[in-house]
């Protein structure tokens, strides 16, 4: 759903809430009962079925982000060790190959059909 439609939907739902509470006061019913009925009626509206809510990042996603950050730190560290002549180019290449394999385990390459 595009942003203008989402804004319009939000305004309409807000108006429905205000109207629902006003109706509840005039009729003498509890506002939650009227709002519940209004919510059920709104849920039957076909235009509102297109609304999608972005999912919350789950723990798995956060763990993947941390693993990727750790891989970046490891890569920078081995390059710094090579630059300081603590390890040779050969060792650097071996460590980078291991980090590449680790990155492929963390972020498997996507397959294109």
Protein backbone atom coordinates (compact mmCIF):
# COMPACT_ATOMS: atom_id res chain seq x y z
CA UNK A 1 0.00 0.00 0.00
CA UNK A 2 1.32 3.45 -0.90
CA UNK A 3 1.96 6.09 1.74
CA UNK A 4 -0.95 8.41 0.73
CA UNK A 5 -3.36 5.49 1.07
CA UNK A 6 -1.87 4.57 4.42
CA UNK A 7 -2.30 8.14 5.67
CA UNK A 8 -5.89 8.23 4.46
CA UNK A 9 -6.58 4.90 6.14
CA UNK A 10 -5.05 6.16 9.38
CA UNK A 11 -7.21 9.28 9.29
CA UNK A 12 -10.33 7.22 8.59
CA UNK A 13 -9.61 4.80 11.42
CA UNK A 14 -8.98 7.74 13.77
CA UNK A 15 -12.28 9.30 12.70
CA UNK A 16 -14.02 5.97 13.30
CA UNK A 17 -12.59 5.91 16.83
CA UNK A 18 -13.83 9.42 17.55
CA UNK A 19 -17.26 8.71 16.10
CA UNK A 20 -17.42 5.40 17.98
CA UNK A 21 -16.75 7.01 21.34
CA UNK A 22 -19.26 9.79 20.62
CA UNK A 23 -21.93 7.23 19.69
CA UNK A 24 -21.15 5.24 22.83
CA UNK A 25 -21.74 8.31 25.03
CA UNK A 26 -25.00 9.23 23.31
CA UNK A 27 -26.41 5.70 23.33
CA UNK A 28 -25.22 5.01 26.85
CA UNK A 29 -23.13 1.95 26.01
CA UNK A 30 -19.59 1.32 27.17
CA UNK A 31 -17.11 2.76 24.68
CA UNK A 32 -15.08 -0.49 24.42
CA UNK A 33 -18.20 -2.37 23.27
CA UNK A 34 -18.97 0.17 20.55
CA UNK A 35 -15.31 0.28 19.48
CA UNK A 36 -15.23 -3.51 19.32
CA UNK A 37 -18.26 -3.55 17.03
CA UNK A 38 -16.74 -0.75 14.93
CA UNK A 39 -13.48 -2.70 14.71
CA UNK A 40 -15.27 -5.80 13.50
CA UNK A 41 -17.14 -3.77 10.89
CA UNK A 42 -13.91 -2.09 9.77
CA UNK A 43 -12.20 -5.47 9.46
CA UNK A 44 -14.85 -6.47 6.94
CA UNK A 45 -13.95 -3.51 4.72
CA UNK A 46 -12.04 -4.86 1.69
CA UNK A 47 -9.84 -1.76 1.37
CA UNK A 48 -8.31 -2.39 4.80
CA UNK A 49 -7.11 -5.89 3.87
CA UNK A 50 -4.14 -4.42 1.98
CA UNK A 51 -2.56 -2.88 5.07
CA UNK A 52 0.73 -4.55 5.92
CA UNK A 53 2.76 -4.01 9.05
CA UNK A 54 6.53 -4.43 8.90
CA UNK A 55 7.65 -7.26 11.17
CA UNK A 56 9.74 -6.54 14.22
CA UNK A 57 13.34 -7.64 13.88
CA UNK A 58 13.59 -10.95 15.67
CA UNK A 59 16.46 -12.30 17.71
CA UNK A 60 17.75 -14.28 14.72
CA UNK A 61 18.07 -11.12 12.64
CA UNK A 62 19.88 -9.33 15.47
CA UNK A 63 22.21 -12.30 15.90
CA UNK A 64 22.98 -12.28 12.17
CA UNK A 65 23.76 -8.58 12.34
CA UNK A 66 26.13 -9.17 15.26
CA UNK A 67 27.83 -12.05 13.43
CA UNK A 68 28.32 -9.86 10.35
CA UNK A 69 29.76 -7.08 12.47
CA UNK A 70 32.12 -9.55 14.13
CA UNK A 71 33.25 -10.80 10.72
CA UNK A 72 34.04 -7.21 9.70
CA UNK A 73 36.14 -6.74 12.84
CA UNK A 74 37.96 -10.03 12.23
CA UNK A 75 38.73 -9.03 8.64
CA UNK A 76 40.06 -5.63 9.70
CA UNK A 77 42.15 -7.26 12.43
CA UNK A 78 43.88 -9.76 10.15
CA UNK A 79 44.64 -7.04 7.60
CA UNK A 80 46.08 -4.86 10.38
CA UNK A 81 48.22 -7.77 11.58
CA UNK A 82 49.56 -8.21 8.05
CA UNK A 83 50.19 -4.46 7.72
CA UNK A 84 52.16 -4.54 11.00
CA UNK A 85 54.18 -7.51 9.65
CA UNK A 86 52.93 -9.79 12.44
CA UNK A 87 51.60 -12.27 9.88
CA UNK A 88 52.65 -12.93 6.30
CA UNK A 89 50.58 -12.51 3.15
CA UNK A 90 50.17 -16.28 2.97
CA UNK A 91 48.69 -16.42 6.47
CA UNK A 92 46.45 -13.46 5.61
CA UNK A 93 45.09 -15.28 2.56
CA UNK A 94 44.43 -18.44 4.60
CA UNK A 95 42.63 -16.47 7.31
CA UNK A 96 40.60 -14.58 4.73
CA UNK A 97 39.55 -17.88 3.14
CA UNK A 98 38.40 -19.11 6.56
CA UNK A 99 36.49 -15.87 7.11
CA UNK A 100 34.90 -16.22 3.67
CA UNK A 101 33.73 -19.73 4.60
CA UNK A 102 32.40 -18.44 7.92
CA UNK A 103 30.57 -15.63 6.12
CA UNK A 104 28.97 -18.13 3.74
CA UNK A 105 27.72 -20.11 6.75
CA UNK A 106 26.29 -16.98 8.35
CA UNK A 107 24.92 -15.51 5.10
CA UNK A 108 24.33 -18.32 2.61
CA UNK A 109 24.46 -17.06 -0.97
CA UNK A 110 21.00 -16.68 -2.49
CA UNK A 111 20.11 -18.93 -5.40
CA UNK A 112 18.52 -17.48 -8.50
CA UNK A 113 16.07 -19.68 -10.33
